[in-house]
Amino acid sequence: MSSEGVETVRAALACLNAGDIDGFISLCDENFDLDMSARVFNPKTYLGHDGIRTFHGDVSEVWEEFRWEPTRFVDASDAVVVLLHSHGRGRGSGIEMARDAAMVWTVREGRALSLRFYVDQAEALKAAGVEQ
C-alpha cells in the first residue's frame, strides 16, 4: 500500500464525516464491500454503491450526529488501518456515545475496494498483519 492509499482513506473519511455520500462513492469501487458486522447495534455488511447509500441511511436514521475521528493511519502492506475515536448523538434520544474503534481498508489504484470495521483496535492491526 502506498501513501496514495492513505490519502484515499483520508479523503473518504472526510466525505463520510461531512455527509458527502456522493463524494465518498466517487472514491469507492462499484463493488465496494462495507463490512460493519462487528457493530454492536445493527451488525451488517453492505455491498456496492447502493449498499453505501443504505449504510448512510441506516446511520442517519439512528444518529443525529456521528463522526469518525482518525487518531492514527497505519500503512500496511495490503491495507490501510485507521485507528479512530468515534462519537455520536442519538436522533431523538440525544444520548451521547463515544468509543475507540478501527477500520481496515483495502485500496487499489486510488479506489477503495473494501472497509471492515473493528471494535477492537488490536484485532484490526493483527488482521492487517501489523506488529504493535
N, C-alpha and C. Protein backbone atom coordinates (compact mmCIF):
# COMPACT_ATOMS: atom_id res chain seq x y z
N MET A 1 0.86 -1.17 0.00
CA MET A 1 0.00 0.00 0.00
C MET A 1 0.90 1.23 0.00
N SER A 2 0.52 2.21 -0.72
CA SER A 2 1.32 3.42 -0.80
C SER A 2 0.65 4.55 -0.03
N SER A 3 1.36 5.68 0.03
CA SER A 3 0.75 6.84 0.68
C SER A 3 -0.50 7.27 -0.08
N GLU A 4 -0.60 6.90 -1.36
CA GLU A 4 -1.81 7.18 -2.13
C GLU A 4 -3.02 6.50 -1.47
N GLY A 5 -2.82 5.29 -0.96
CA GLY A 5 -3.90 4.59 -0.27
C GLY A 5 -4.33 5.33 0.98
N VAL A 6 -3.37 5.81 1.74
CA VAL A 6 -3.67 6.56 2.95
C VAL A 6 -4.44 7.83 2.59
N GLU A 7 -4.01 8.51 1.54
CA GLU A 7 -4.71 9.74 1.13
C GLU A 7 -6.14 9.46 0.67
N THR A 8 -6.35 8.34 -0.01
CA THR A 8 -7.70 7.96 -0.43
C THR A 8 -8.58 7.74 0.80
N VAL A 9 -8.03 7.05 1.80
CA VAL A 9 -8.80 6.79 3.02
C VAL A 9 -9.07 8.08 3.77
N ARG A 10 -8.09 8.97 3.85
CA ARG A 10 -8.32 10.28 4.49
C ARG A 10 -9.47 11.02 3.82
N ALA A 11 -9.44 11.04 2.50
CA ALA A 11 -10.49 11.73 1.75
C ALA A 11 -11.85 11.07 1.96
N ALA A 12 -11.87 9.73 1.99
CA ALA A 12 -13.13 9.01 2.19
C ALA A 12 -13.72 9.31 3.56
N LEU A 13 -12.88 9.32 4.59
CA LEU A 13 -13.37 9.63 5.93
C LEU A 13 -13.85 11.07 6.03
N ALA A 14 -13.17 11.97 5.36
CA ALA A 14 -13.61 13.37 5.35
C ALA A 14 -15.00 13.48 4.71
N CYS A 15 -15.22 12.75 3.63
CA CYS A 15 -16.54 12.74 2.98
C CYS A 15 -17.60 12.16 3.91
N LEU A 16 -17.30 11.04 4.55
CA LEU A 16 -18.26 10.43 5.48
C LEU A 16 -18.62 11.40 6.60
N ASN A 17 -17.62 12.02 7.18
CA ASN A 17 -17.86 12.93 8.29
C ASN A 17 -18.63 14.18 7.88
N ALA A 18 -18.49 14.58 6.62
CA ALA A 18 -19.21 15.75 6.11
C ALA A 18 -20.60 15.39 5.58
N GLY A 19 -20.90 14.09 5.55
CA GLY A 19 -22.19 13.66 4.99
C GLY A 19 -22.22 13.70 3.48
N ASP A 20 -21.04 13.77 2.86
CA ASP A 20 -20.92 13.83 1.40
C ASP A 20 -20.85 12.41 0.84
N ILE A 21 -22.00 11.77 0.74
CA ILE A 21 -22.04 10.38 0.31
C ILE A 21 -21.65 10.25 -1.16
N ASP A 22 -22.04 11.21 -2.00
CA ASP A 22 -21.63 11.15 -3.40
C ASP A 22 -20.11 11.25 -3.52
N GLY A 23 -19.50 12.10 -2.71
CA GLY A 23 -18.04 12.21 -2.70
C GLY A 23 -17.40 10.92 -2.24
N PHE A 24 -17.97 10.30 -1.22
CA PHE A 24 -17.47 9.01 -0.73
C PHE A 24 -17.57 7.96 -1.82
N ILE A 25 -18.74 7.87 -2.45
CA ILE A 25 -18.95 6.89 -3.52
C ILE A 25 -17.96 7.09 -4.65
N SER A 26 -17.62 8.33 -4.95
CA SER A 26 -16.69 8.60 -6.06
C SER A 26 -15.30 8.02 -5.79
N LEU A 27 -14.99 7.73 -4.53
CA LEU A 27 -13.69 7.17 -4.15
C LEU A 27 -13.72 5.65 -4.05
N CYS A 28 -14.92 5.07 -4.20
CA CYS A 28 -15.10 3.63 -3.97
C CYS A 28 -15.39 2.88 -5.27
N ASP A 29 -14.85 1.67 -5.33
CA ASP A 29 -15.13 0.76 -6.42
C ASP A 29 -16.62 0.45 -6.44
N GLU A 30 -17.14 0.14 -7.62
CA GLU A 30 -18.58 -0.16 -7.73
C GLU A 30 -18.98 -1.41 -6.94
N ASN A 31 -18.02 -2.28 -6.63
CA ASN A 31 -18.28 -3.48 -5.84
C ASN A 31 -17.77 -3.34 -4.41
N PHE A 32 -17.70 -2.12 -3.93
CA PHE A 32 -17.19 -1.82 -2.59
C PHE A 32 -17.88 -2.71 -1.55
N ASP A 33 -17.08 -3.29 -0.65
CA ASP A 33 -17.57 -4.18 0.41
C ASP A 33 -17.40 -3.46 1.75
N LEU A 34 -18.50 -3.08 2.35
CA LEU A 34 -18.51 -2.33 3.61
C LEU A 34 -18.99 -3.27 4.71
N ASP A 35 -18.04 -3.80 5.48
CA ASP A 35 -18.35 -4.80 6.50
C ASP A 35 -18.43 -4.14 7.87
N MET A 36 -19.65 -3.95 8.33
CA MET A 36 -19.89 -3.37 9.65
C MET A 36 -20.43 -4.43 10.61
N SER A 37 -20.12 -5.69 10.34
CA SER A 37 -20.67 -6.79 11.12
C SER A 37 -20.17 -6.83 12.56
N ALA A 38 -19.12 -6.09 12.89
CA ALA A 38 -18.61 -6.05 14.26
C ALA A 38 -19.36 -5.04 15.13
N ARG A 39 -20.26 -4.26 14.53
CA ARG A 39 -21.02 -3.30 15.33
C ARG A 39 -21.90 -4.03 16.33
N VAL A 40 -22.08 -3.40 17.47
CA VAL A 40 -22.96 -3.95 18.50
C VAL A 40 -24.41 -3.85 18.04
N PHE A 41 -24.78 -2.70 17.54
CA PHE A 41 -26.14 -2.48 17.05
C PHE A 41 -26.15 -2.57 15.53
N ASN A 42 -27.07 -3.30 15.00
CA ASN A 42 -27.28 -3.42 13.56
C ASN A 42 -26.03 -3.90 12.81
N PRO A 43 -25.45 -5.02 13.24
CA PRO A 43 -24.29 -5.55 12.50
C PRO A 43 -24.74 -5.98 11.10
N LYS A 44 -24.01 -5.52 10.10
CA LYS A 44 -24.46 -5.73 8.73
C LYS A 44 -23.30 -5.55 7.77
N THR A 45 -23.42 -6.14 6.60
CA THR A 45 -22.47 -5.91 5.51
C THR A 45 -23.24 -5.26 4.36
N TYR A 46 -22.63 -4.26 3.74
CA TYR A 46 -23.25 -3.50 2.66
C TYR A 46 -22.38 -3.66 1.40
N LEU A 47 -23.01 -3.87 0.27
CA LEU A 47 -22.27 -4.09 -0.96
C LEU A 47 -22.59 -3.04 -2.02
N GLY A 48 -21.53 -2.58 -2.69
CA GLY A 48 -21.66 -1.67 -3.82
C GLY A 48 -22.09 -0.27 -3.42
N HIS A 49 -22.30 0.54 -4.44
CA HIS A 49 -22.70 1.93 -4.21
C HIS A 49 -24.08 2.02 -3.57
N ASP A 50 -25.00 1.14 -3.95
CA ASP A 50 -26.31 1.12 -3.31
C ASP A 50 -26.17 0.76 -1.83
N GLY A 51 -25.27 -0.15 -1.54
CA GLY A 51 -25.02 -0.51 -0.14
C GLY A 51 -24.50 0.66 0.66
N ILE A 52 -23.64 1.48 0.07
CA ILE A 52 -23.12 2.67 0.76
C ILE A 52 -24.28 3.61 1.09
N ARG A 53 -25.18 3.79 0.14
CA ARG A 53 -26.34 4.66 0.39
C ARG A 53 -27.24 4.09 1.49
N THR A 54 -27.41 2.77 1.49
CA THR A 54 -28.21 2.14 2.55
C THR A 54 -27.54 2.32 3.91
N PHE A 55 -26.22 2.12 3.95
CA PHE A 55 -25.46 2.34 5.18
C PHE A 55 -25.65 3.76 5.69
N HIS A 56 -25.51 4.73 4.81
CA HIS A 56 -25.67 6.13 5.20
C HIS A 56 -27.08 6.37 5.75
N GLY A 57 -28.08 5.79 5.11
CA GLY A 57 -29.45 5.92 5.59
C GLY A 57 -29.63 5.29 6.96
N ASP A 58 -29.04 4.11 7.17
CA ASP A 58 -29.13 3.44 8.47
C ASP A 58 -28.50 4.29 9.57
N VAL A 59 -27.33 4.85 9.29
CA VAL A 59 -26.64 5.68 10.28
C VAL A 59 -27.44 6.95 10.55
N SER A 60 -27.93 7.58 9.49
CA SER A 60 -28.69 8.83 9.64
C SER A 60 -30.00 8.64 10.39
N GLU A 61 -30.56 7.46 10.27
CA GLU A 61 -31.82 7.15 10.95
C GLU A 61 -31.63 7.09 12.47
N VAL A 62 -30.48 6.58 12.90
CA VAL A 62 -30.22 6.37 14.32
C VAL A 62 -29.50 7.55 14.97
N TRP A 63 -28.59 8.18 14.21
CA TRP A 63 -27.72 9.21 14.78
C TRP A 63 -28.02 10.58 14.19
N GLU A 64 -28.24 11.53 15.07
CA GLU A 64 -28.39 12.93 14.64
C GLU A 64 -27.04 13.46 14.17
N GLU A 65 -26.01 13.01 14.86
CA GLU A 65 -24.64 13.39 14.50
C GLU A 65 -23.74 12.19 14.77
N PHE A 66 -22.83 11.91 13.85
CA PHE A 66 -21.88 10.82 14.05
C PHE A 66 -20.59 11.17 13.31
N ARG A 67 -19.46 10.96 14.00
CA ARG A 67 -18.15 11.26 13.40
C ARG A 67 -17.14 10.18 13.74
N TRP A 68 -16.27 9.93 12.78
CA TRP A 68 -15.11 9.06 12.99
C TRP A 68 -13.89 9.97 12.93
N GLU A 69 -13.19 10.11 14.05
CA GLU A 69 -12.01 10.96 14.09
C GLU A 69 -10.75 10.09 14.12
N PRO A 70 -10.03 10.07 13.01
CA PRO A 70 -8.81 9.26 12.95
C PRO A 70 -7.77 9.75 13.95
N THR A 71 -7.16 8.82 14.65
CA THR A 71 -6.06 9.17 15.55
C THR A 71 -4.72 8.67 15.00
N ARG A 72 -4.79 7.68 14.10
CA ARG A 72 -3.55 7.15 13.50
C ARG A 72 -3.89 6.38 12.22
N PHE A 73 -3.08 6.59 11.21
CA PHE A 73 -3.16 5.83 9.96
C PHE A 73 -1.94 4.93 9.89
N VAL A 74 -2.16 3.65 9.63
CA VAL A 74 -1.06 2.71 9.52
C VAL A 74 -1.07 2.16 8.10
N ASP A 75 0.00 2.43 7.38
CA ASP A 75 0.15 1.97 6.01
C ASP A 75 0.70 0.55 6.05
N ALA A 76 -0.19 -0.44 5.96
CA ALA A 76 0.21 -1.85 5.98
C ALA A 76 0.45 -2.29 4.54
N SER A 77 1.00 -3.46 4.36
CA SER A 77 1.38 -3.90 3.02
C SER A 77 0.19 -3.98 2.06
N ASP A 78 -0.92 -4.52 2.51
CA ASP A 78 -2.08 -4.66 1.62
C ASP A 78 -3.28 -3.87 2.10
N ALA A 79 -3.09 -3.04 3.10
CA ALA A 79 -4.24 -2.36 3.68
C ALA A 79 -3.82 -1.04 4.33
N VAL A 80 -4.83 -0.24 4.64
CA VAL A 80 -4.65 0.94 5.47
C VAL A 80 -5.49 0.70 6.72
N VAL A 81 -4.82 0.72 7.87
CA VAL A 81 -5.53 0.59 9.14
C VAL A 81 -5.72 1.99 9.70
N VAL A 82 -6.94 2.28 10.11
CA VAL A 82 -7.23 3.56 10.73
C VAL A 82 -7.68 3.30 12.16
N LEU A 83 -6.89 3.78 13.10
CA LEU A 83 -7.32 3.77 14.50
C LEU A 83 -8.08 5.07 14.70
N LEU A 84 -9.23 4.96 15.35
CA LEU A 84 -10.08 6.16 15.41
C LEU A 84 -10.87 6.22 16.69
N HIS A 85 -11.39 7.40 16.93
CA HIS A 85 -12.32 7.65 18.02
C HIS A 85 -13.64 8.02 17.36
N SER A 86 -14.67 7.26 17.67
CA SER A 86 -15.98 7.56 17.09
C SER A 86 -16.88 8.13 18.18
N HIS A 87 -17.73 9.05 17.76
CA HIS A 87 -18.70 9.60 18.72
C HIS A 87 -19.93 10.06 17.97
N GLY A 88 -21.03 10.00 18.68
CA GLY A 88 -22.29 10.40 18.05
C GLY A 88 -23.33 10.79 19.09
N ARG A 89 -24.39 11.38 18.58
CA ARG A 89 -25.53 11.77 19.42
C ARG A 89 -26.77 11.17 18.79
N GLY A 90 -27.49 10.40 19.58
CA GLY A 90 -28.67 9.70 19.09
C GLY A 90 -29.77 10.63 18.62
N ARG A 91 -30.37 10.25 17.52
CA ARG A 91 -31.51 11.01 16.99
C ARG A 91 -32.70 10.79 17.93
N GLY A 92 -33.31 11.86 18.34
CA GLY A 92 -34.46 11.76 19.24
C GLY A 92 -34.06 11.66 20.69
N SER A 93 -33.20 10.71 21.03
CA SER A 93 -32.82 10.50 22.44
C SER A 93 -31.80 11.52 22.93
N GLY A 94 -30.93 11.97 22.03
CA GLY A 94 -29.86 12.89 22.41
C GLY A 94 -28.74 12.23 23.19
N ILE A 95 -28.81 10.91 23.35
CA ILE A 95 -27.78 10.19 24.10
C ILE A 95 -26.45 10.28 23.36
N GLU A 96 -25.40 10.58 24.10
CA GLU A 96 -24.05 10.68 23.54
C GLU A 96 -23.35 9.32 23.65
N MET A 97 -22.60 8.97 22.62
CA MET A 97 -21.83 7.74 22.58
C MET A 97 -20.43 8.08 22.09
N ALA A 98 -19.44 7.45 22.71
CA ALA A 98 -18.06 7.63 22.25
C ALA A 98 -17.28 6.36 22.54
N ARG A 99 -16.41 5.99 21.60
CA ARG A 99 -15.56 4.81 21.80
C ARG A 99 -14.41 4.83 20.80
N ASP A 100 -13.37 4.09 21.14
CA ASP A 100 -12.28 3.88 20.20
C ASP A 100 -12.64 2.67 19.36
N ALA A 101 -12.23 2.69 18.12
CA ALA A 101 -12.50 1.60 17.19
C ALA A 101 -11.43 1.64 16.11
N ALA A 102 -11.62 0.84 15.07
CA ALA A 102 -10.65 0.81 13.97
C ALA A 102 -11.34 0.38 12.69
N MET A 103 -10.70 0.69 11.59
CA MET A 103 -11.15 0.28 10.26
C MET A 103 -9.93 -0.26 9.51
N VAL A 104 -10.16 -1.30 8.72
CA VAL A 104 -9.13 -1.79 7.82
C VAL A 104 -9.67 -1.62 6.41
N TRP A 105 -8.98 -0.82 5.62
CA TRP A 105 -9.37 -0.51 4.24
C TRP A 105 -8.47 -1.23 3.26
N THR A 106 -9.03 -1.63 2.15
CA THR A 106 -8.25 -2.10 1.01
C THR A 106 -8.43 -1.06 -0.09
N VAL A 107 -7.31 -0.57 -0.60
CA VAL A 107 -7.33 0.46 -1.64
C VAL A 107 -6.40 0.01 -2.75
N ARG A 108 -6.85 0.14 -3.97
CA ARG A 108 -6.02 -0.21 -5.12
C ARG A 108 -6.19 0.86 -6.19
N GLU A 109 -5.07 1.39 -6.65
CA GLU A 109 -5.06 2.39 -7.71
C GLU A 109 -6.00 3.56 -7.40
N GLY A 110 -5.94 4.01 -6.14
CA GLY A 110 -6.71 5.18 -5.74
C GLY A 110 -8.19 4.94 -5.50
N ARG A 111 -8.64 3.70 -5.55
CA ARG A 111 -10.05 3.36 -5.35
C ARG A 111 -10.18 2.47 -4.13
N ALA A 112 -11.11 2.81 -3.25
CA ALA A 112 -11.38 1.98 -2.08
C ALA A 112 -12.17 0.76 -2.52
N LEU A 113 -11.65 -0.44 -2.18
CA LEU A 113 -12.32 -1.69 -2.54
C LEU A 113 -13.14 -2.24 -1.39
N SER A 114 -12.66 -2.01 -0.16
CA SER A 114 -13.39 -2.54 0.99
C SER A 114 -13.01 -1.79 2.25
N LEU A 115 -13.89 -1.91 3.23
CA LEU A 115 -13.68 -1.37 4.56
C LEU A 115 -14.26 -2.38 5.53
N ARG A 116 -13.49 -2.75 6.54
CA ARG A 116 -14.00 -3.62 7.60
C ARG A 116 -13.84 -2.88 8.91
N PHE A 117 -14.92 -2.77 9.65
CA PHE A 117 -14.96 -2.09 10.94
C PHE A 117 -14.61 -3.06 12.06
N TYR A 118 -13.81 -2.59 13.02
CA TYR A 118 -13.44 -3.38 14.18
C TYR A 118 -13.72 -2.59 15.45
N VAL A 119 -14.28 -3.24 16.44
CA VAL A 119 -14.49 -2.63 17.75
C VAL A 119 -13.17 -2.60 18.51
N ASP A 120 -12.32 -3.59 18.25
CA ASP A 120 -11.04 -3.75 18.95
C ASP A 120 -9.89 -3.32 18.03
N GLN A 121 -9.16 -2.29 18.42
CA GLN A 121 -8.07 -1.78 17.59
C GLN A 121 -6.96 -2.81 17.42
N ALA A 122 -6.62 -3.54 18.48
CA ALA A 122 -5.56 -4.55 18.38
C ALA A 122 -5.95 -5.65 17.39
N GLU A 123 -7.22 -6.00 17.37
CA GLU A 123 -7.69 -7.02 16.43
C GLU A 123 -7.55 -6.53 14.98
N ALA A 124 -7.84 -5.27 14.75
CA ALA A 124 -7.70 -4.70 13.40
C ALA A 124 -6.25 -4.71 12.96
N LEU A 125 -5.35 -4.31 13.83
CA LEU A 125 -3.92 -4.31 13.49
C LEU A 125 -3.44 -5.73 13.19
N LYS A 126 -3.87 -6.69 14.01
CA LYS A 126 -3.49 -8.08 13.81
C LYS A 126 -4.03 -8.59 12.46
N ALA A 127 -5.28 -8.25 12.15
CA ALA A 127 -5.88 -8.71 10.89
C ALA A 127 -5.12 -8.18 9.69
N ALA A 128 -4.53 -7.00 9.81
CA ALA A 128 -3.77 -6.40 8.71
C ALA A 128 -2.30 -6.81 8.74
N GLY A 129 -1.93 -7.65 9.71
CA GLY A 129 -0.55 -8.12 9.79
C GLY A 129 0.42 -7.10 10.33
N VAL A 130 -0.07 -6.19 11.16
CA VAL A 130 0.78 -5.12 11.72
C VAL A 130 1.18 -5.50 13.13
N GLU A 131 2.49 -5.44 13.39
CA GLU A 131 3.01 -5.67 14.75
C GLU A 131 2.72 -4.43 15.58
N GLN A 132 2.34 -4.65 16.83
CA GLN A 132 2.05 -3.48 17.70
C GLN A 132 3.26 -2.96 18.39
